[in-house]
């Protein structure tokens, strides 16, 4: 596998205008000698709304889904994996921004310890006025043992102690788990819990992501918290994680033993 980090971004029309800011945050990243990044932008559906905002850069690949049909962010990110030919996959939502040094810090952790399958970092809300706000109760800087995320999530109203939008994952481990869950929402939480069921992770106390809050944000819509659907999503997310844990499955190398 080449020494490459693939940045995966799912995008649709309303979030496309934020792509240039995400790109600027990516260009500011510095990687160790011999390493490089590629950015795979995958449109959810096929329109004329996204392409004008895609940066003109040979390191940026743009792909589209089916015309007239949207599959949601989980399906879109998983389709992007067809073009993810690096050792690691980093998630970056179209409306978010990386902080300086985020990629290098996460990469250093996974390169140094084969028992760590994924890394996360502190996230800050990026508010409409440009200010930022943190979250109370971040875990301690360091490893996250198997099962810890599920236990915390279950005990704290289905809120994980680490943010799935900050994930850097070993590509082979991500593929072995099938990518993101086929859910209308919480697909990234489902992936996080599945990763933690089979592999140790890492949390960096230094902020690695600015998580934008804005009117068009899908997680801010009333439908996202509709009780019946939310309960169903949480049930299948938990069931998958517990099933993986019960099988005792462990990645062979580089994903946690």
Protein backbone atom coordinates (compact mmCIF):
# COMPACT_ATOMS: atom_id res chain seq x y z
CA UNK A 1 0.00 0.00 0.00
CA UNK A 2 1.30 3.44 -0.88
CA UNK A 3 2.04 6.10 1.71
CA UNK A 4 -1.16 8.02 1.12
CA UNK A 5 -4.05 9.32 3.20
CA UNK A 6 -7.38 9.48 1.38
CA UNK A 7 -9.77 12.20 2.51
CA UNK A 8 -13.38 11.16 1.88
CA UNK A 9 -16.11 13.78 1.61
CA UNK A 10 -19.78 13.23 0.85
CA UNK A 11 -21.48 16.32 -0.53
CA UNK A 12 -24.82 17.50 -1.89
CA UNK A 13 -25.95 20.84 -3.28
CA UNK A 14 -26.63 22.81 -0.06
CA UNK A 15 -23.24 21.99 1.47
CA UNK A 16 -21.18 22.41 -1.72
CA UNK A 17 -20.40 26.14 -1.17
CA UNK A 18 -18.37 25.17 1.91
CA UNK A 19 -15.98 22.96 -0.10
CA UNK A 20 -13.42 25.75 -0.73
CA UNK A 21 -13.02 26.28 3.02
CA UNK A 22 -12.58 22.55 3.59
CA UNK A 23 -9.98 22.57 0.81
CA UNK A 24 -8.07 25.45 2.38
CA UNK A 25 -7.90 23.54 5.66
CA UNK A 26 -6.63 20.47 3.81
CA UNK A 27 -3.97 22.38 1.89
CA UNK A 28 -2.65 23.69 5.21
CA UNK A 29 -1.91 20.15 6.45
CA UNK A 30 1.69 19.00 6.63
CA UNK A 31 2.53 15.31 6.39
CA UNK A 32 5.79 13.48 7.09
CA UNK A 33 8.27 13.12 4.26
CA UNK A 34 7.13 10.54 1.74
CA UNK A 35 3.44 10.87 2.59
CA UNK A 36 0.74 12.56 0.56
CA UNK A 37 -3.01 13.09 0.61
CA UNK A 38 -5.73 12.68 -2.00
CA UNK A 39 -9.22 14.12 -1.61
CA UNK A 40 -12.17 12.10 -2.95
CA UNK A 41 -15.31 14.23 -3.19
CA UNK A 42 -18.39 12.11 -3.86
CA UNK A 43 -21.67 13.80 -4.71
CA UNK A 44 -24.85 12.27 -3.29
CA UNK A 45 -26.77 12.05 -6.55
CA UNK A 46 -25.87 13.80 -9.79
CA UNK A 47 -26.59 17.49 -10.34
CA UNK A 48 -24.86 20.60 -11.64
CA UNK A 49 -24.76 22.12 -8.14
CA UNK A 50 -21.50 20.71 -6.77
CA UNK A 51 -18.90 20.74 -9.56
CA UNK A 52 -18.45 24.56 -9.59
CA UNK A 53 -17.13 24.37 -6.02
CA UNK A 54 -14.70 21.48 -6.57
CA UNK A 55 -11.10 22.78 -6.41
CA UNK A 56 -8.95 22.57 -9.53
CA UNK A 57 -6.19 20.44 -8.06
CA UNK A 58 -4.79 17.12 -9.37
CA UNK A 59 -4.98 15.76 -5.82
CA UNK A 60 -8.77 16.22 -5.82
CA UNK A 61 -11.02 13.58 -7.41
CA UNK A 62 -14.70 14.30 -8.01
CA UNK A 63 -17.30 11.58 -8.55
CA UNK A 64 -21.09 11.57 -8.71
CA UNK A 65 -23.89 9.18 -7.84
CA UNK A 66 -27.03 8.26 -9.72
CA UNK A 67 -29.03 10.99 -11.47
CA UNK A 68 -32.19 11.92 -9.59
CA UNK A 69 -31.47 9.68 -6.63
CA UNK A 70 -29.80 10.32 -3.29
CA UNK A 71 -28.57 7.56 -1.01
CA UNK A 72 -27.52 9.61 2.01
CA UNK A 73 -24.06 10.25 3.44
CA UNK A 74 -23.35 6.63 4.43
CA UNK A 75 -23.97 5.28 0.94
CA UNK A 76 -22.11 8.21 -0.62
CA UNK A 77 -18.98 7.79 1.54
CA UNK A 78 -18.96 4.04 0.97
CA UNK A 79 -19.12 4.57 -2.80
CA UNK A 80 -16.13 6.91 -2.46
CA UNK A 81 -14.10 3.99 -1.09
CA UNK A 82 -13.89 2.67 -4.66
CA UNK A 83 -11.37 5.46 -5.22
CA UNK A 84 -9.62 5.27 -1.84
CA UNK A 85 -6.28 3.69 -2.73
CA UNK A 86 -4.31 4.80 0.34
CA UNK A 87 -3.33 3.11 3.57
CA UNK A 88 -5.63 5.34 5.61
CA UNK A 89 -9.02 7.01 5.15
CA UNK A 90 -9.83 10.33 6.80
CA UNK A 91 -13.39 11.62 7.09
CA UNK A 92 -14.04 15.28 6.30
CA UNK A 93 -17.59 16.50 5.91
CA UNK A 94 -18.08 19.13 3.22
CA UNK A 95 -19.05 21.83 5.70
CA UNK A 96 -16.26 21.17 8.23
CA UNK A 97 -12.61 22.20 8.46
CA UNK A 98 -9.49 20.47 9.70
CA UNK A 99 -7.27 22.26 12.18
CA UNK A 100 -3.54 22.67 11.45
CA UNK A 101 -1.59 19.50 12.19
CA UNK A 102 -4.62 17.22 12.53
CA UNK A 103 -3.63 14.76 9.80
CA UNK A 104 -0.02 14.44 10.94
CA UNK A 105 -0.99 13.83 14.57
CA UNK A 106 -3.47 11.08 13.74
CA UNK A 107 -1.14 9.47 11.23
CA UNK A 108 1.72 9.39 13.74
CA UNK A 109 -0.43 7.47 16.23
CA UNK A 110 -1.50 4.77 13.77
CA UNK A 111 1.95 4.41 12.25
CA UNK A 112 3.52 3.97 15.70
CA UNK A 113 1.14 1.32 17.08
CA UNK A 114 -0.36 -1.49 14.94
CA UNK A 115 -2.85 -2.27 17.72
CA UNK A 116 -4.61 1.06 17.10
CA UNK A 117 -7.12 0.76 14.27
CA UNK A 118 -8.57 4.26 14.28
CA UNK A 119 -7.97 7.71 15.71
CA UNK A 120 -10.25 10.57 16.73
CA UNK A 121 -9.64 14.03 18.09
CA UNK A 122 -11.34 16.83 19.95
CA UNK A 123 -13.93 18.69 17.88
CA UNK A 124 -15.00 22.30 18.26
CA UNK A 125 -18.31 23.68 17.07
CA UNK A 126 -17.77 26.40 14.47
CA UNK A 127 -20.58 28.88 15.06
CA UNK A 128 -22.11 31.20 12.41
CA UNK A 129 -20.27 34.23 13.84
CA UNK A 130 -16.91 32.49 13.41
CA UNK A 131 -16.39 31.72 17.08
CA UNK A 132 -15.85 28.20 18.38
CA UNK A 133 -17.20 26.24 21.33
CA UNK A 134 -15.95 23.03 22.88
CA UNK A 135 -17.73 20.07 24.40
CA UNK A 136 -17.61 19.13 28.09
CA UNK A 137 -16.49 15.68 29.09
CA UNK A 138 -13.85 14.85 26.48
CA UNK A 139 -12.01 11.62 27.40
CA UNK A 140 -8.39 11.56 28.46
CA UNK A 141 -5.76 11.91 25.76
CA UNK A 142 -4.62 8.44 24.74
CA UNK A 143 -5.94 5.00 23.80
CA UNK A 144 -9.62 4.09 23.75
CA UNK A 145 -10.01 0.43 24.65
CA UNK A 146 -12.39 -1.94 22.92
CA UNK A 147 -15.98 -1.56 24.07
CA UNK A 148 -15.48 1.78 25.81
CA UNK A 149 -17.33 3.82 23.22
CA UNK A 150 -20.39 1.57 23.26
CA UNK A 151 -20.55 1.57 27.05
CA UNK A 152 -20.32 5.36 27.22
CA UNK A 153 -22.77 5.85 24.34
CA UNK A 154 -25.35 3.57 25.96
CA UNK A 155 -25.03 5.24 29.37
CA UNK A 156 -25.17 8.81 28.06
CA UNK A 157 -28.27 9.10 25.90
CA UNK A 158 -26.69 7.69 22.73
CA UNK A 159 -23.88 10.25 22.67
CA UNK A 160 -20.36 8.97 22.15
CA UNK A 161 -17.45 10.50 24.03
CA UNK A 162 -15.48 10.87 20.77
CA UNK A 163 -16.77 12.44 17.55
CA UNK A 164 -17.16 10.16 14.49
CA UNK A 165 -16.62 13.10 12.11
CA UNK A 166 -12.97 13.21 13.26
CA UNK A 167 -12.10 9.61 12.35
CA UNK A 168 -8.89 8.51 10.65
CA UNK A 169 -9.17 4.77 9.91
CA UNK A 170 -7.00 2.04 8.50
CA UNK A 171 -8.44 1.43 5.05
CA UNK A 172 -8.42 -2.38 5.29
CA UNK A 173 -10.28 -2.28 8.59
CA UNK A 174 -12.87 0.12 7.18
CA UNK A 175 -13.45 -2.14 4.18
CA UNK A 176 -13.68 -5.26 6.37
CA UNK A 177 -16.52 -3.63 8.30
CA UNK A 178 -18.38 -2.73 5.11
CA UNK A 179 -17.86 1.02 5.30
CA UNK A 180 -20.61 3.17 6.75
CA UNK A 181 -23.96 1.80 7.83
CA UNK A 182 -26.90 1.98 5.40
CA UNK A 183 -28.96 4.27 7.63
CA UNK A 184 -30.71 7.59 6.95
CA UNK A 185 -28.61 9.13 9.75
CA UNK A 186 -26.18 8.04 12.50
CA UNK A 187 -24.26 6.05 9.90
CA UNK A 188 -21.00 7.51 11.19
CA UNK A 189 -21.85 6.63 14.79
CA UNK A 190 -22.59 3.10 13.63
CA UNK A 191 -19.15 2.89 12.05
CA UNK A 192 -17.48 4.29 15.17
CA UNK A 193 -19.14 1.72 17.44
CA UNK A 194 -18.29 -1.10 15.03
CA UNK A 195 -14.66 -0.01 14.91
CA UNK A 196 -14.48 0.11 18.69
CA UNK A 197 -16.05 -3.36 18.93
CA UNK A 198 -13.11 -4.92 17.10
CA UNK A 199 -10.18 -2.57 17.60
CA UNK A 200 -8.53 -0.21 20.04
CA UNK A 201 -8.67 3.46 19.09
CA UNK A 202 -7.10 6.76 20.05
CA UNK A 203 -8.31 10.16 21.19
CA UNK A 204 -6.23 13.29 20.74
CA UNK A 205 -7.04 16.06 23.20
CA UNK A 206 -5.82 18.66 20.72
CA UNK A 207 -8.65 19.94 18.53
CA UNK A 208 -8.58 18.35 15.09
CA UNK A 209 -11.87 19.50 13.58
CA UNK A 210 -14.06 22.59 13.35
CA UNK A 211 -17.62 21.23 13.15
CA UNK A 212 -19.76 23.82 11.40
CA UNK A 213 -23.17 24.76 12.77
CA UNK A 214 -25.47 26.26 10.14
CA UNK A 215 -29.12 26.38 9.10
CA UNK A 216 -28.90 23.74 6.39
CA UNK A 217 -27.23 21.15 8.61
CA UNK A 218 -29.00 17.79 8.33
CA UNK A 219 -28.48 16.91 12.00
CA UNK A 220 -30.26 20.13 12.95
CA UNK A 221 -33.51 19.19 11.23
CA UNK A 222 -36.52 17.95 13.20
CA UNK A 223 -36.59 14.68 11.24
CA UNK A 224 -33.19 13.77 12.66
CA UNK A 225 -34.69 13.48 16.14
CA UNK A 226 -38.04 11.91 15.21
CA UNK A 227 -38.46 9.38 18.05
CA UNK A 228 -39.53 6.23 16.19
CA UNK A 229 -36.84 6.42 13.53
CA UNK A 230 -34.17 7.49 16.01
CA UNK A 231 -34.97 4.55 18.28
CA UNK A 232 -34.74 2.18 15.31
CA UNK A 233 -31.37 3.63 14.26
CA UNK A 234 -29.97 3.35 17.75
CA UNK A 235 -31.19 -0.22 18.08
CA UNK A 236 -29.49 -1.44 14.91
CA UNK A 237 -26.29 0.51 15.65
CA UNK A 238 -26.06 -1.14 19.07
CA UNK A 239 -26.98 -4.60 17.78
CA UNK A 240 -24.26 -4.49 15.15
CA UNK A 241 -21.60 -3.43 17.63
CA UNK A 242 -22.59 -6.10 20.15
CA UNK A 243 -22.69 -8.79 17.46
CA UNK A 244 -19.17 -7.89 16.31
CA UNK A 245 -17.93 -7.95 19.89
CA UNK A 246 -19.57 -11.30 20.61
CA UNK A 247 -17.91 -12.97 17.63
CA UNK A 248 -14.52 -12.09 19.05
CA UNK A 249 -13.38 -11.11 15.57
CA UNK A 250 -10.02 -9.36 15.41
CA UNK A 251 -8.25 -7.83 12.43
CA UNK A 252 -5.13 -9.78 11.50
CA UNK A 253 -2.66 -6.91 11.54
CA UNK A 254 -2.78 -3.14 11.78
CA UNK A 255 -6.38 -3.06 12.95
CA UNK A 256 -6.11 -4.06 16.58
CA UNK A 257 -5.31 -7.35 18.27
